[in-house]
Amino acid sequence: MLTVKQFFLAVVSKLRSLHVIFIALFTLLLSITSWLIWNQLDYHVRSDLMQQYKSIVNTTAEQAAQSAKPLIQANDRLSLQVYAKESIEKRQLDSITFYGPSQEILAYANRKGAAKITQRVTSSNQITSNNATIGSVMVVLSTEPIERMLDETTGQIILIACAVWVLGAILLRSLFHLYDLKISALASRIKRPQKDNPFSSGFTELHPLETELEDFEKKAIDKNELDNNLNQLLNQQALHQASKEADHKELSIQPRHASVLYVKAIGLNNINQELPKKDAAQLISEYVTLVQQAAKLYNGFVQVQANGLTIIFGAPQKMNEHCLHAICAATFLYRLLNQHHSKKRIHKSTTLKFQIAIHTGDVFCFNTPEQASMAIFGDVIFTSAQLASQANPGQILLSEDARKEPELENKVTCKGPYNQGSQAGSLAYQVSHLADNYEKLIERQVKHIASLRQPA
């Protein structure tokens, strides 16, 4: 028959073993409840934000359709392309595409890296005139920024919840420890049985620390061996996967029919002799920035050559009316240069003169976006450089092949032909005038650039 002392000691031993289980159950229940609450909250927040995104995209598509309507009616594809490019920059879109009545692409612009986006919101809008559909517009806006923000917020909330759970577990453990001390103090007042006590074996369960430490060390050693084996296996798989990917990659080069705008600076050696190296580098950097602005506005690809810069239209990205884009970019560049030189003269600063020529032909480029940024090559680049060396500052020379491009008809007026001794055919032409709508468009663009440079 159990005595009161033996029963009390058995209860103390049981309480000491149960409080750990209670803390574990409490933490698990708190974790499940928090996850359910956050899951519902996250669902409603994402739904509301997606509705707002869709509303923004629909409104943007309607505004783009209204703005593009007169340009489509006038069949002004170049202005439509410029508007698409400006829409990408101003409205923070990922891509915008304008289609004709037969679903042919009239203009397209996208943000760098937009092809890799998988989470997006799309909206299309019909463009009508006199109850007839003359085209459509499709606007794409990525939802990745808001998804990223919600994921970051989720991570932060999880970290905070984990910290709260840990603090709660520590607090409960402390409370149980205080309670355990009080129970131990009461138990110490009772004289423990010394002989033939059927409960004496129960006291070995109160302090199993040495046994648990031995088991823990053994498990830790086994875990380290398992981790080492797993790491070796993963490294072998990674090397095997890398070798497979390297075997599948092929260097593929594709031809493109493109127009090359060659910009050659005159007197670089004299600049290096007249100015300190730092000032000469600053001067050249200013002019390179102007060339890059012209290239970016008209979707050109800039490539550095030995004695100048080339802006390639139609490669690596295919482009309709690439020769017309090149002529407009050259005209725009000369207007920027004149504006820049007028400011330089006021401050009596050193200026550079440029020779510009355009030639059309076949170039070769790598067929992926990453490789395309590495190199574009072909005889057309060398020929355009030779033709540029024959041009006078302020002139835009066209090769005979460029002059024959069909998109220039009724849009570009040329003088000539002149026999320049170029390899781009035996004749060359000088651009004298663009159609009025293109001249006005370029003038507006130059004024806009000038307004951006004025100090606030």
Protein backbone atom coordinates (compact mmCIF):
# COMPACT_ATOMS: atom_id res chain seq x y z
CA MET A 1 0.00 0.00 0.00
CA LEU A 2 1.33 3.44 -1.00
CA THR A 3 2.09 5.91 1.70
CA VAL A 4 1.38 9.60 1.44
CA LYS A 5 5.09 10.36 1.03
CA GLN A 6 5.52 7.90 -1.82
CA PHE A 7 2.45 9.19 -3.65
CA PHE A 8 3.59 12.80 -3.33
CA LEU A 9 7.06 12.00 -4.74
CA ALA A 10 5.50 10.15 -7.71
CA VAL A 11 3.29 13.19 -8.50
CA VAL A 12 6.35 15.50 -8.39
CA SER A 13 8.23 13.27 -10.84
CA LYS A 14 5.30 13.18 -13.25
CA LEU A 15 4.82 16.96 -13.21
CA ARG A 16 8.49 17.51 -14.03
CA SER A 17 8.18 15.32 -17.16
CA LEU A 18 4.87 16.77 -18.41
CA HIS A 19 5.69 20.48 -18.50
CA VAL A 20 7.98 20.06 -21.54
CA ILE A 21 5.19 18.34 -23.46
CA PHE A 22 2.79 21.13 -22.50
CA ILE A 23 5.18 23.80 -23.83
CA ALA A 24 5.60 21.91 -27.12
CA LEU A 25 1.80 21.55 -27.57
CA PHE A 26 1.27 25.22 -26.77
CA THR A 27 3.88 26.32 -29.35
CA LEU A 28 2.39 24.02 -32.02
CA LEU A 29 -1.15 25.28 -31.42
CA LEU A 30 0.02 28.91 -31.56
CA SER A 31 1.89 28.25 -34.83
CA ILE A 32 -1.12 26.65 -36.53
CA THR A 33 -3.45 29.45 -35.43
CA SER A 34 -1.06 32.16 -36.63
CA TRP A 35 -0.60 30.45 -39.99
CA LEU A 36 -4.36 30.18 -40.58
CA ILE A 37 -4.92 33.84 -39.71
CA TRP A 38 -2.06 35.07 -41.92
CA ASN A 39 -3.13 32.83 -44.81
CA GLN A 40 -6.59 34.42 -44.89
CA LEU A 41 -5.19 37.94 -44.52
CA ASP A 42 -2.63 37.37 -47.30
CA TYR A 43 -5.34 36.06 -49.64
CA HIS A 44 -7.56 39.12 -49.20
CA VAL A 45 -4.63 41.58 -49.51
CA ARG A 46 -3.37 39.96 -52.72
CA SER A 47 -6.88 39.92 -54.20
CA ASP A 48 -7.42 43.64 -53.50
CA LEU A 49 -4.01 44.62 -54.91
CA MET A 50 -4.54 42.53 -58.06
CA GLN A 51 -7.88 44.27 -58.64
CA GLN A 52 -6.13 47.65 -58.35
CA TYR A 53 -3.42 46.52 -60.79
CA LYS A 54 -6.03 45.36 -63.31
CA SER A 55 -7.84 48.70 -63.01
CA ILE A 56 -4.57 50.59 -63.65
CA VAL A 57 -3.76 48.45 -66.71
CA ASN A 58 -7.27 48.86 -68.17
CA THR A 59 -7.12 52.65 -67.72
CA THR A 60 -3.65 52.78 -69.30
CA ALA A 61 -4.83 50.71 -72.29
CA GLU A 62 -7.80 53.06 -72.85
CA GLN A 63 -5.56 56.15 -72.69
CA ALA A 64 -3.03 54.57 -75.07
CA ALA A 65 -5.79 53.71 -77.53
CA GLN A 66 -7.03 57.31 -77.54
CA SER A 67 -3.52 58.73 -78.01
CA ALA A 68 -2.58 56.26 -80.77
CA LYS A 69 -5.80 56.70 -82.76
CA PRO A 70 -4.67 59.75 -84.85
CA LEU A 71 -1.23 58.18 -85.44
CA ILE A 72 -2.78 54.95 -86.78
CA GLN A 73 -5.18 56.91 -88.96
CA ALA A 74 -2.21 58.82 -90.42
CA ASN A 75 -0.22 55.55 -90.81
CA ASP A 76 2.64 57.23 -88.92
CA ARG A 77 4.45 54.16 -87.61
CA LEU A 78 7.58 56.00 -86.55
CA SER A 79 5.66 58.40 -84.29
CA LEU A 80 3.69 55.43 -82.97
CA GLN A 81 6.95 53.65 -82.12
CA VAL A 82 8.28 56.74 -80.34
CA TYR A 83 5.01 57.03 -78.38
CA ALA A 84 5.30 53.36 -77.37
CA LYS A 85 8.86 53.94 -76.16
CA GLU A 86 7.83 57.01 -74.14
CA SER A 87 4.89 55.08 -72.63
CA ILE A 88 7.28 52.42 -71.33
CA GLU A 89 9.43 55.05 -69.58
CA LYS A 90 6.69 57.34 -68.26
CA ARG A 91 4.03 54.82 -67.23
CA GLN A 92 6.45 52.16 -65.88
CA LEU A 93 4.97 49.47 -68.16
CA ASP A 94 6.68 46.20 -69.09
CA SER A 95 5.53 46.16 -72.71
CA ILE A 96 3.05 47.81 -75.06
CA THR A 97 2.05 46.59 -78.52
CA PHE A 98 -0.04 48.32 -81.17
CA TYR A 99 -1.75 46.15 -83.80
CA GLY A 100 -3.32 47.05 -87.12
CA PRO A 101 -6.77 45.97 -88.34
CA SER A 102 -5.30 42.64 -89.54
CA GLN A 103 -3.46 42.04 -86.26
CA GLU A 104 -0.12 43.02 -87.78
CA ILE A 105 2.28 44.67 -85.34
CA LEU A 106 2.53 48.43 -85.96
CA ALA A 107 4.72 49.31 -82.98
CA TYR A 108 6.22 47.49 -80.00
CA ALA A 109 8.30 48.53 -77.00
CA ASN A 110 9.28 46.73 -73.82
CA ARG A 111 11.34 47.19 -70.72
CA LYS A 112 14.72 45.44 -70.45
CA GLY A 113 14.25 41.92 -69.05
CA ALA A 114 10.46 41.92 -69.69
CA ALA A 115 10.70 38.66 -71.69
CA LYS A 116 11.63 36.79 -68.50
CA ILE A 117 8.59 37.99 -66.54
CA THR A 118 6.06 35.27 -65.69
CA GLN A 119 3.68 37.14 -63.34
CA ARG A 120 1.88 39.87 -65.23
CA VAL A 121 -1.44 41.62 -65.82
CA THR A 122 -2.53 42.15 -69.43
CA SER A 123 -5.21 44.39 -70.93
CA SER A 124 -6.28 44.87 -74.55
CA ASN A 125 -8.37 47.69 -76.03
CA GLN A 126 -9.86 48.12 -79.46
CA ILE A 127 -9.15 51.32 -81.43
CA THR A 128 -12.16 52.36 -83.48
CA SER A 129 -12.99 55.14 -85.90
CA ASN A 130 -16.48 55.74 -87.30
CA ASN A 131 -17.68 52.44 -85.77
CA ALA A 132 -14.88 50.54 -87.56
CA THR A 133 -11.96 48.83 -85.88
CA ILE A 134 -8.68 50.29 -87.12
CA GLY A 135 -6.40 48.58 -84.60
CA SER A 136 -5.86 47.52 -81.04
CA VAL A 137 -3.42 47.98 -78.19
CA MET A 138 -2.17 45.47 -75.61
CA VAL A 139 -0.57 46.65 -72.37
CA VAL A 140 1.41 44.38 -70.02
CA LEU A 141 2.31 45.28 -66.44
CA SER A 142 4.35 43.00 -64.20
CA THR A 143 3.01 42.05 -60.77
CA GLU A 144 6.41 40.87 -59.59
CA PRO A 145 7.16 44.05 -57.53
CA ILE A 146 4.01 43.66 -55.44
CA GLU A 147 4.51 39.90 -55.16
CA ARG A 148 8.06 40.52 -54.00
CA MET A 149 6.88 43.10 -51.47
CA LEU A 150 4.24 40.71 -50.08
CA ASP A 151 6.77 37.89 -49.88
CA GLU A 152 9.21 40.13 -48.00
CA THR A 153 6.43 41.21 -45.65
CA THR A 154 5.48 37.57 -45.12
CA GLY A 155 9.07 36.71 -44.26
CA GLN A 156 9.28 39.57 -41.77
CA ILE A 157 6.01 38.55 -40.11
CA ILE A 158 7.20 34.94 -39.89
CA LEU A 159 10.42 36.08 -38.22
CA ILE A 160 8.47 38.22 -35.74
CA ALA A 161 6.05 35.35 -35.05
CA CYS A 162 8.95 32.96 -34.47
CA ALA A 163 10.53 35.43 -32.05
CA VAL A 164 7.21 35.76 -30.19
CA TRP A 165 6.82 31.98 -30.05
CA VAL A 166 10.34 31.53 -28.71
CA LEU A 167 9.82 34.23 -26.09
CA GLY A 168 6.51 32.67 -25.09
CA ALA A 169 8.11 29.24 -24.78
CA ILE A 170 10.96 30.68 -22.70
CA LEU A 171 8.46 32.48 -20.45
CA LEU A 172 6.41 29.31 -19.93
CA ARG A 173 9.59 27.36 -19.29
CA SER A 174 10.60 29.91 -16.65
CA LEU A 175 7.20 29.74 -14.97
CA PHE A 176 7.33 25.95 -14.87
CA HIS A 177 10.87 26.14 -13.52
CA LEU A 178 9.76 28.38 -10.64
CA TYR A 179 6.88 26.05 -9.96
CA ASP A 180 9.26 23.09 -10.09
CA LEU A 181 11.55 24.75 -7.52
CA LYS A 182 8.64 25.21 -5.14
CA ILE A 183 7.62 21.55 -5.55
CA SER A 184 11.22 20.44 -5.01
CA ALA A 185 11.42 22.52 -1.84
CA LEU A 186 8.28 20.81 -0.52
CA ALA A 187 9.61 17.40 -1.52
CA SER A 188 12.91 17.98 0.28
CA ARG A 189 11.06 18.32 3.60
CA ILE A 190 9.87 14.74 3.34
CA LYS A 191 12.38 12.05 4.30
CA ARG A 192 12.95 9.73 1.39
CA PRO A 193 12.79 5.94 2.01
CA GLN A 194 16.19 4.22 2.14
CA LYS A 195 15.38 0.48 1.89
CA ASP A 196 13.10 -1.75 -0.11
CA ASN A 197 11.28 1.18 -1.56
CA PRO A 198 9.37 0.12 -4.70
CA PHE A 199 9.56 3.76 -5.92
CA SER A 200 13.33 4.15 -5.49
CA SER A 201 13.88 3.32 -9.16
CA GLY A 202 11.66 6.22 -10.09
CA PHE A 203 14.26 8.71 -8.84
CA THR A 204 16.68 7.67 -11.57
CA GLU A 205 14.21 9.15 -14.07
CA LEU A 206 14.34 12.57 -12.42
CA HIS A 207 17.91 13.32 -13.58
CA PRO A 208 18.67 11.37 -16.79
CA LEU A 209 21.12 14.08 -17.96
CA GLU A 210 24.17 11.89 -18.58
CA THR A 211 22.21 9.38 -20.67
CA GLU A 212 20.59 12.12 -22.74
CA LEU A 213 23.96 13.81 -23.38
CA GLU A 214 25.46 10.56 -24.62
CA ASP A 215 22.51 9.98 -26.96
CA PHE A 216 22.68 13.58 -28.20
CA GLU A 217 26.41 13.35 -29.00
CA LYS A 218 25.89 10.08 -30.84
CA LYS A 219 23.04 11.58 -32.91
CA ALA A 220 25.15 14.68 -33.68
CA ILE A 221 28.00 12.51 -35.00
CA ASP A 222 25.56 10.52 -37.17
CA LYS A 223 24.03 13.77 -38.46
CA ASN A 224 27.43 15.23 -39.43
CA GLU A 225 28.28 12.07 -41.38
CA LEU A 226 24.90 12.26 -43.14
CA ASP A 227 25.43 15.96 -44.00
CA ASN A 228 28.90 15.26 -45.44
CA ASN A 229 27.58 12.43 -47.62
CA LEU A 230 24.66 14.57 -48.77
CA ASN A 231 26.95 17.50 -49.68
CA GLN A 232 29.20 15.22 -51.73
CA LEU A 233 26.18 13.84 -53.59
CA LEU A 234 24.79 17.34 -54.30
CA ASN A 235 28.17 18.56 -55.57
CA GLN A 236 28.39 15.60 -57.94
CA GLN A 237 24.86 16.26 -59.24
CA ALA A 238 25.61 19.98 -59.71
CA LEU A 239 28.76 19.21 -61.72
CA HIS A 240 26.85 16.69 -63.83
CA GLN A 241 24.03 19.20 -64.49
CA ALA A 242 26.52 21.94 -65.41
CA SER A 243 28.29 19.65 -67.88
CA LYS A 244 24.93 18.72 -69.47
CA GLU A 245 23.93 22.38 -69.86
CA ALA A 246 27.32 23.20 -71.39
CA ASP A 247 26.90 20.38 -73.91
CA HIS A 248 23.45 21.66 -74.98
CA LYS A 249 24.55 25.28 -75.50
CA GLU A 250 25.41 25.99 -79.12
CA LEU A 251 26.84 29.18 -80.53
CA SER A 252 24.31 30.15 -83.19
CA ILE A 253 24.82 33.20 -85.42
CA GLN A 254 22.00 34.61 -87.52
CA PRO A 255 22.02 37.23 -90.30
CA ARG A 256 19.98 40.41 -90.06
CA HIS A 257 19.19 43.02 -92.69
CA ALA A 258 19.98 46.28 -90.92
CA SER A 259 21.05 49.89 -91.31
CA VAL A 260 24.30 51.14 -89.77
CA LEU A 261 24.69 54.76 -88.66
CA TYR A 262 28.41 55.51 -88.31
CA VAL A 263 29.44 58.50 -86.17
CA LYS A 264 33.10 59.51 -86.53
CA ALA A 265 34.72 62.25 -84.44
CA ILE A 266 37.23 64.60 -86.07
CA GLY A 267 40.43 65.66 -84.31
CA LEU A 268 40.52 63.37 -81.29
CA ASN A 269 44.33 63.41 -81.30
CA ASN A 270 44.35 67.22 -81.13
CA ILE A 271 41.91 67.13 -78.20
CA ASN A 272 44.21 64.80 -76.28
CA GLN A 273 47.12 67.17 -76.88
CA GLU A 274 45.27 70.42 -76.09
CA LEU A 275 43.41 69.30 -72.94
CA PRO A 276 44.42 67.41 -69.80
CA LYS A 277 43.46 63.75 -69.89
CA LYS A 278 40.67 64.23 -67.34
CA ASP A 279 39.09 67.13 -69.30
CA ALA A 280 39.45 65.26 -72.60
CA ALA A 281 37.73 62.21 -71.12
CA GLN A 282 34.90 64.41 -69.78
CA LEU A 283 34.45 66.06 -73.19
CA ILE A 284 34.28 62.72 -75.02
CA SER A 285 31.88 61.36 -72.39
CA GLU A 286 29.45 64.24 -73.06
CA TYR A 287 29.34 63.45 -76.78
CA VAL A 288 28.97 59.71 -76.20
CA THR A 289 25.95 60.48 -73.99
CA LEU A 290 24.34 62.42 -76.85
CA VAL A 291 24.87 59.50 -79.25
CA GLN A 292 23.38 57.09 -76.73
CA GLN A 293 20.30 59.32 -76.32
CA ALA A 294 19.68 59.28 -80.08
CA ALA A 295 20.15 55.51 -80.21
CA LYS A 296 17.84 54.84 -77.28
CA LEU A 297 15.06 57.05 -78.64
CA TYR A 298 14.99 55.23 -81.99
CA ASN A 299 15.74 51.69 -80.71
CA GLY A 300 19.30 51.54 -81.99
CA PHE A 301 22.07 49.22 -80.77
CA VAL A 302 25.31 51.10 -79.91
CA GLN A 303 28.67 49.48 -80.57
CA VAL A 304 32.12 51.02 -80.11
CA GLN A 305 34.54 50.94 -83.05
CA ALA A 306 38.22 51.87 -83.36
CA ASN A 307 37.62 55.48 -84.45
CA GLY A 308 33.93 56.07 -83.83
CA LEU A 309 30.56 54.73 -82.73
CA THR A 310 28.05 52.69 -84.72
CA ILE A 311 24.31 52.68 -84.09
CA ILE A 312 22.75 49.60 -85.65
CA PHE A 313 19.03 49.55 -86.47
CA GLY A 314 17.42 46.18 -87.18
CA ALA A 315 19.85 44.03 -85.21
CA PRO A 316 19.87 42.17 -82.92
CA GLN A 317 16.14 43.01 -82.71
CA LYS A 318 14.31 42.93 -86.03
CA MET A 319 12.85 46.29 -87.04
CA ASN A 320 10.63 47.57 -89.83
CA GLU A 321 11.77 50.80 -91.55
CA HIS A 322 15.24 50.54 -89.98
CA CYS A 323 16.79 52.89 -92.54
CA LEU A 324 14.18 55.58 -91.79
CA HIS A 325 14.93 55.14 -88.08
CA ALA A 326 18.63 55.63 -88.79
CA ILE A 327 18.04 58.86 -90.75
CA CYS A 328 15.75 60.27 -88.04
CA ALA A 329 18.31 59.36 -85.37
CA ALA A 330 21.08 61.09 -87.34
CA THR A 331 18.97 64.23 -87.79
CA PHE A 332 18.05 64.21 -84.12
CA LEU A 333 21.73 63.76 -83.18
CA TYR A 334 22.83 66.76 -85.27
CA ARG A 335 20.12 68.92 -83.64
CA LEU A 336 21.38 67.86 -80.21
CA LEU A 337 24.98 68.59 -81.25
CA ASN A 338 24.06 72.08 -82.47
CA GLN A 339 22.28 72.79 -79.21
CA HIS A 340 25.24 71.45 -77.23
CA HIS A 341 27.75 73.50 -79.26
CA SER A 342 25.80 76.72 -78.73
CA LYS A 343 26.16 76.27 -74.96
CA LYS A 344 29.85 75.45 -75.37
CA ARG A 345 30.47 78.64 -77.35
CA ILE A 346 28.93 80.76 -74.61
CA HIS A 347 31.47 79.33 -72.15
CA LYS A 348 34.23 79.29 -74.80
CA SER A 349 34.70 75.57 -74.34
CA THR A 350 36.28 73.08 -76.73
CA THR A 351 33.93 71.27 -79.12
CA LEU A 352 34.15 68.29 -81.49
CA LYS A 353 32.97 67.91 -85.08
CA PHE A 354 31.49 64.74 -86.48
CA GLN A 355 31.13 62.92 -89.80
CA ILE A 356 27.99 60.81 -90.19
CA ALA A 357 27.01 58.25 -92.84
CA ILE A 358 24.40 55.51 -93.19
CA HIS A 359 24.72 52.23 -95.08
CA THR A 360 22.29 49.30 -95.35
CA GLY A 361 23.16 45.63 -95.71
CA ASP A 362 23.49 42.31 -93.92
CA VAL A 363 25.09 41.98 -90.50
CA PHE A 364 25.58 38.96 -88.26
CA CYS A 365 24.65 38.73 -84.59
CA PHE A 366 24.22 36.16 -81.85
CA ASN A 367 20.65 34.93 -81.57
CA THR A 368 20.08 35.26 -77.77
CA PRO A 369 19.67 38.57 -75.90
CA GLU A 370 22.66 37.84 -73.63
CA GLN A 371 24.98 37.02 -76.53
CA ALA A 372 23.59 39.74 -78.76
CA SER A 373 25.06 42.40 -76.50
CA MET A 374 28.54 41.01 -77.16
CA ALA A 375 29.08 41.70 -80.87
CA ILE A 376 27.46 42.52 -84.20
CA PHE A 377 29.74 42.36 -87.22
CA GLY A 378 29.76 42.49 -91.00
CA ASP A 379 31.24 44.35 -93.98
CA VAL A 380 28.41 46.89 -93.79
CA ILE A 381 30.05 48.42 -90.68
CA PHE A 382 33.41 48.84 -92.44
CA THR A 383 31.71 50.30 -95.54
CA SER A 384 29.71 52.82 -93.47
CA ALA A 385 32.96 53.91 -91.76
CA GLN A 386 34.57 54.53 -95.17
CA LEU A 387 31.56 56.54 -96.31
CA ALA A 388 31.59 58.60 -93.08
CA SER A 389 35.21 59.62 -93.74
CA GLN A 390 34.00 61.30 -96.98
CA ALA A 391 31.24 63.32 -95.26
CA ASN A 392 31.55 66.97 -94.26
CA PRO A 393 30.61 67.98 -90.69
CA GLY A 394 26.87 68.60 -90.59
CA GLN A 395 26.12 66.27 -93.53
CA ILE A 396 24.29 62.94 -93.47
CA LEU A 397 25.53 60.76 -96.33
CA LEU A 398 23.52 57.78 -97.57
CA SER A 399 24.96 54.91 -99.55
CA GLU A 400 23.26 53.87 -102.77
CA ASP A 401 21.96 50.71 -101.07
CA ALA A 402 20.45 52.77 -98.23
CA ARG A 403 18.83 55.19 -100.70
CA LYS A 404 17.02 52.28 -102.37
CA GLU A 405 15.21 51.22 -99.18
CA PRO A 406 11.44 51.40 -99.93
CA GLU A 407 10.44 53.08 -96.64
CA LEU A 408 12.27 56.29 -97.67
CA GLU A 409 9.92 57.00 -100.56
CA ASN A 410 8.00 60.30 -100.09
CA LYS A 411 9.58 60.66 -96.63
CA VAL A 412 13.22 61.59 -97.29
CA THR A 413 14.56 64.09 -99.84
CA CYS A 414 18.19 63.67 -100.97
CA LYS A 415 20.72 65.57 -103.02
CA GLY A 416 22.97 63.80 -105.47
CA PRO A 417 24.12 61.34 -106.44
CA TYR A 418 27.81 62.07 -105.78
CA ASN A 419 30.73 59.85 -106.62
CA GLN A 420 32.43 59.41 -103.24
CA GLY A 421 34.52 56.36 -104.09
CA SER A 422 32.68 54.31 -101.47
CA GLN A 423 32.38 50.56 -101.55
CA ALA A 424 28.66 50.89 -100.82
CA GLY A 425 28.02 51.21 -104.53
CA SER A 426 29.69 53.88 -106.63
CA LEU A 427 27.33 56.67 -105.59
CA ALA A 428 26.39 58.49 -102.39
CA TYR A 429 23.53 60.84 -101.49
CA GLN A 430 23.16 63.68 -99.01
CA VAL A 431 20.00 63.90 -96.88
CA SER A 432 18.53 67.37 -97.33
CA HIS A 433 15.04 67.19 -95.86
CA LEU A 434 12.59 64.91 -94.06
CA ALA A 435 8.82 64.93 -94.40
CA ASP A 436 7.19 67.72 -92.38
CA ASN A 437 5.65 65.42 -89.78
CA TYR A 438 9.04 63.84 -89.03
CA GLU A 439 10.75 67.24 -88.87
CA LYS A 440 8.16 68.47 -86.38
CA LEU A 441 8.45 65.28 -84.32
CA ILE A 442 12.24 65.60 -84.10
CA GLU A 443 11.95 69.27 -83.16
CA ARG A 444 9.58 68.39 -80.30
CA GLN A 445 11.95 65.70 -79.10
CA VAL A 446 14.92 68.08 -79.07
CA LYS A 447 12.94 70.69 -77.11
CA HIS A 448 11.88 68.02 -74.63
CA ILE A 449 15.52 66.94 -74.08
CA ALA A 450 16.50 70.61 -73.64
CA SER A 451 13.78 71.13 -71.04
CA LEU A 452 15.03 68.15 -69.06
CA ARG A 453 18.55 69.61 -68.92
CA GLN A 454 17.51 73.03 -67.70
CA PRO A 455 18.26 73.58 -63.99
CA ALA A 456 15.26 73.63 -61.70
